[in-house]
Amino acid sequence: MNKEDALKLLNSSRGEIDEIDEQIIELITRRTALAKEIGTAKKVLNKDIENTEREDYIQDKIKKIAKKNKINETSLLKIMDILMELNKSEQEKILGR
């Protein structure tokens, strides 16, 4: 590969990453909207925001996905923790906490 090819590859890859970032943000938006719906249901059902059984299930699922895709498990779990905290925050707004 020469420098010109390397530059084309660099720019192409960055463009694709930009597109993926937009898709990730869209998915986070959808996930957050679902968290609001879950918060509404929890309010009616008088359930707590915290659900350690569900969180354990998600963490186990993420570990399996990380292993299968050879992605750093610790980093992927951190990302999911952030997403779960975002969702809890949205549920707290609905539940008035």
C-alpha atoms as a PDB file:
ATOM      1  CA  MET A   1       0.000   0.000   0.000  1.00  0.00           C
ATOM      2  CA  ASN A   2       1.353   3.407  -0.900  1.00  0.00           C
ATOM      3  CA  LYS A   3       0.664   6.710   0.869  1.00  0.00           C
ATOM      4  CA  GLU A   4      -2.153   7.667  -1.497  1.00  0.00           C
ATOM      5  CA  ASP A   5      -3.940   4.361  -0.890  1.00  0.00           C
ATOM      6  CA  ALA A   6      -3.360   4.718   2.841  1.00  0.00           C
ATOM      7  CA  LEU A   7      -4.877   8.201   2.841  1.00  0.00           C
ATOM      8  CA  LYS A   8      -7.925   6.978   0.893  1.00  0.00           C
ATOM      9  CA  LEU A   9      -8.339   4.096   3.337  1.00  0.00           C
ATOM     10  CA  LEU A  10      -7.992   6.440   6.315  1.00  0.00           C
ATOM     11  CA  ASN A  11     -10.624   8.853   4.996  1.00  0.00           C
ATOM     12  CA  SER A  12     -12.972   6.077   3.937  1.00  0.00           C
ATOM     13  CA  SER A  13     -12.707   4.352   7.321  1.00  0.00           C
ATOM     14  CA  ARG A  14     -13.305   7.615   9.163  1.00  0.00           C
ATOM     15  CA  GLY A  15     -16.373   8.290   7.045  1.00  0.00           C
ATOM     16  CA  GLU A  16     -17.734   4.866   7.858  1.00  0.00           C
ATOM     17  CA  ILE A  17     -17.050   5.426  11.574  1.00  0.00           C
ATOM     18  CA  ASP A  18     -19.012   8.701  11.368  1.00  0.00           C
ATOM     19  CA  GLU A  19     -21.972   6.825   9.887  1.00  0.00           C
ATOM     20  CA  ILE A  20     -21.754   4.136  12.552  1.00  0.00           C
ATOM     21  CA  ASP A  21     -21.622   6.795  15.281  1.00  0.00           C
ATOM     22  CA  GLU A  22     -24.887   8.240  13.986  1.00  0.00           C
ATOM     23  CA  GLN A  23     -26.460   4.767  14.025  1.00  0.00           C
ATOM     24  CA  ILE A  24     -25.229   4.189  17.586  1.00  0.00           C
ATOM     25  CA  ILE A  25     -26.769   7.471  18.719  1.00  0.00           C
ATOM     26  CA  GLU A  26     -30.054   6.557  17.029  1.00  0.00           C
ATOM     27  CA  LEU A  27     -30.044   3.192  18.824  1.00  0.00           C
ATOM     28  CA  ILE A  28     -29.303   4.870  22.155  1.00  0.00           C
ATOM     29  CA  THR A  29     -32.223   7.221  21.527  1.00  0.00           C
ATOM     30  CA  ARG A  30     -34.510   4.257  20.832  1.00  0.00           C
ATOM     31  CA  ARG A  31     -33.212   2.415  23.918  1.00  0.00           C
ATOM     32  CA  THR A  32     -33.852   5.488  26.066  1.00  0.00           C
ATOM     33  CA  ALA A  33     -37.400   5.816  24.720  1.00  0.00           C
ATOM     34  CA  LEU A  34     -38.036   2.204  25.704  1.00  0.00           C
ATOM     35  CA  ALA A  35     -36.647   2.935  29.163  1.00  0.00           C
ATOM     36  CA  LYS A  36     -39.251   5.677  29.505  1.00  0.00           C
ATOM     37  CA  GLU A  37     -41.969   3.183  28.588  1.00  0.00           C
ATOM     38  CA  ILE A  38     -40.560   0.748  31.147  1.00  0.00           C
ATOM     39  CA  GLY A  39     -40.575   3.548  33.735  1.00  0.00           C
ATOM     40  CA  THR A  40     -44.231   4.234  32.993  1.00  0.00           C
ATOM     41  CA  ALA A  41     -45.072   0.537  33.423  1.00  0.00           C
ATOM     42  CA  LYS A  42     -43.054   0.344  36.647  1.00  0.00           C
ATOM     43  CA  LYS A  43     -44.950   3.332  38.015  1.00  0.00           C
ATOM     44  CA  VAL A  44     -48.304   1.656  37.371  1.00  0.00           C
ATOM     45  CA  LEU A  45     -47.013  -1.658  38.765  1.00  0.00           C
ATOM     46  CA  ASN A  46     -45.387   0.094  41.746  1.00  0.00           C
ATOM     47  CA  LYS A  47     -42.022  -1.514  40.972  1.00  0.00           C
ATOM     48  CA  ASP A  48     -38.572  -0.273  41.877  1.00  0.00           C
ATOM     49  CA  ILE A  49     -36.190   1.074  39.268  1.00  0.00           C
ATOM     50  CA  GLU A  50     -33.465  -1.299  40.418  1.00  0.00           C
ATOM     51  CA  ASN A  51     -33.792  -4.840  39.117  1.00  0.00           C
ATOM     52  CA  THR A  52     -30.588  -6.687  39.937  1.00  0.00           C
ATOM     53  CA  GLU A  53     -31.829  -9.893  38.317  1.00  0.00           C
ATOM     54  CA  ARG A  54     -32.328  -8.077  35.000  1.00  0.00           C
ATOM     55  CA  GLU A  55     -28.981  -6.284  35.331  1.00  0.00           C
ATOM     56  CA  ASP A  56     -27.202  -9.585  36.005  1.00  0.00           C
ATOM     57  CA  TYR A  57     -28.875 -11.066  32.935  1.00  0.00           C
ATOM     58  CA  ILE A  58     -27.720  -8.138  30.780  1.00  0.00           C
ATOM     59  CA  GLN A  59     -24.156  -8.357  32.092  1.00  0.00           C
ATOM     60  CA  ASP A  60     -23.997 -12.091  31.414  1.00  0.00           C
ATOM     61  CA  LYS A  61     -25.365 -11.535  27.916  1.00  0.00           C
ATOM     62  CA  ILE A  62     -22.804  -8.796  27.238  1.00  0.00           C
ATOM     63  CA  LYS A  63     -19.957 -11.017  28.447  1.00  0.00           C
ATOM     64  CA  LYS A  64     -21.021 -13.726  25.998  1.00  0.00           C
ATOM     65  CA  ILE A  65     -21.318 -11.228  23.148  1.00  0.00           C
ATOM     66  CA  ALA A  66     -17.893  -9.785  23.961  1.00  0.00           C
ATOM     67  CA  LYS A  67     -16.305 -13.212  23.993  1.00  0.00           C
ATOM     68  CA  LYS A  68     -18.016 -14.263  20.768  1.00  0.00           C
ATOM     69  CA  ASN A  69     -16.927 -11.085  18.967  1.00  0.00           C
ATOM     70  CA  LYS A  70     -13.506 -10.886  20.612  1.00  0.00           C
ATOM     71  CA  ILE A  71     -14.228  -7.452  22.087  1.00  0.00           C
ATOM     72  CA  ASN A  72     -12.725  -6.315  25.381  1.00  0.00           C
ATOM     73  CA  GLU A  73     -15.299  -7.463  27.945  1.00  0.00           C
ATOM     74  CA  THR A  74     -14.431  -4.817  30.549  1.00  0.00           C
ATOM     75  CA  SER A  75     -14.825  -1.954  28.083  1.00  0.00           C
ATOM     76  CA  LEU A  76     -18.093  -3.314  26.716  1.00  0.00           C
ATOM     77  CA  LEU A  77     -19.482  -3.725  30.238  1.00  0.00           C
ATOM     78  CA  LYS A  78     -18.550  -0.099  30.998  1.00  0.00           C
ATOM     79  CA  ILE A  79     -20.489   1.051  27.957  1.00  0.00           C
ATOM     80  CA  MET A  80     -23.510  -0.989  29.011  1.00  0.00           C
ATOM     81  CA  ASP A  81     -23.257   0.359  32.565  1.00  0.00           C
ATOM     82  CA  ILE A  82     -23.434   3.876  31.143  1.00  0.00           C
ATOM     83  CA  LEU A  83     -26.476   2.951  29.066  1.00  0.00           C
ATOM     84  CA  MET A  84     -28.203   1.351  32.051  1.00  0.00           C
ATOM     85  CA  GLU A  85     -27.493   4.443  34.191  1.00  0.00           C
ATOM     86  CA  LEU A  86     -28.955   6.636  31.445  1.00  0.00           C
ATOM     87  CA  ASN A  87     -32.064   4.466  31.400  1.00  0.00           C
ATOM     88  CA  LYS A  88     -32.395   4.518  35.192  1.00  0.00           C
ATOM     89  CA  SER A  89     -32.123   8.300  35.102  1.00  0.00           C
ATOM     90  CA  GLU A  90     -34.993   8.464  32.618  1.00  0.00           C
ATOM     91  CA  GLN A  91     -37.068   6.116  34.766  1.00  0.00           C
ATOM     92  CA  GLU A  92     -36.358   8.240  37.853  1.00  0.00           C
ATOM     93  CA  LYS A  93     -37.846  11.249  36.065  1.00  0.00           C
ATOM     94  CA  ILE A  94     -41.041   9.315  35.394  1.00  0.00           C
ATOM     95  CA  LEU A  95     -41.231   7.842  38.875  1.00  0.00           C
ATOM     96  CA  GLY A  96     -40.538  11.239  40.432  1.00  0.00           C
ATOM     97  CA  ARG A  97     -37.387  10.245  42.290  1.00  0.00           C
END
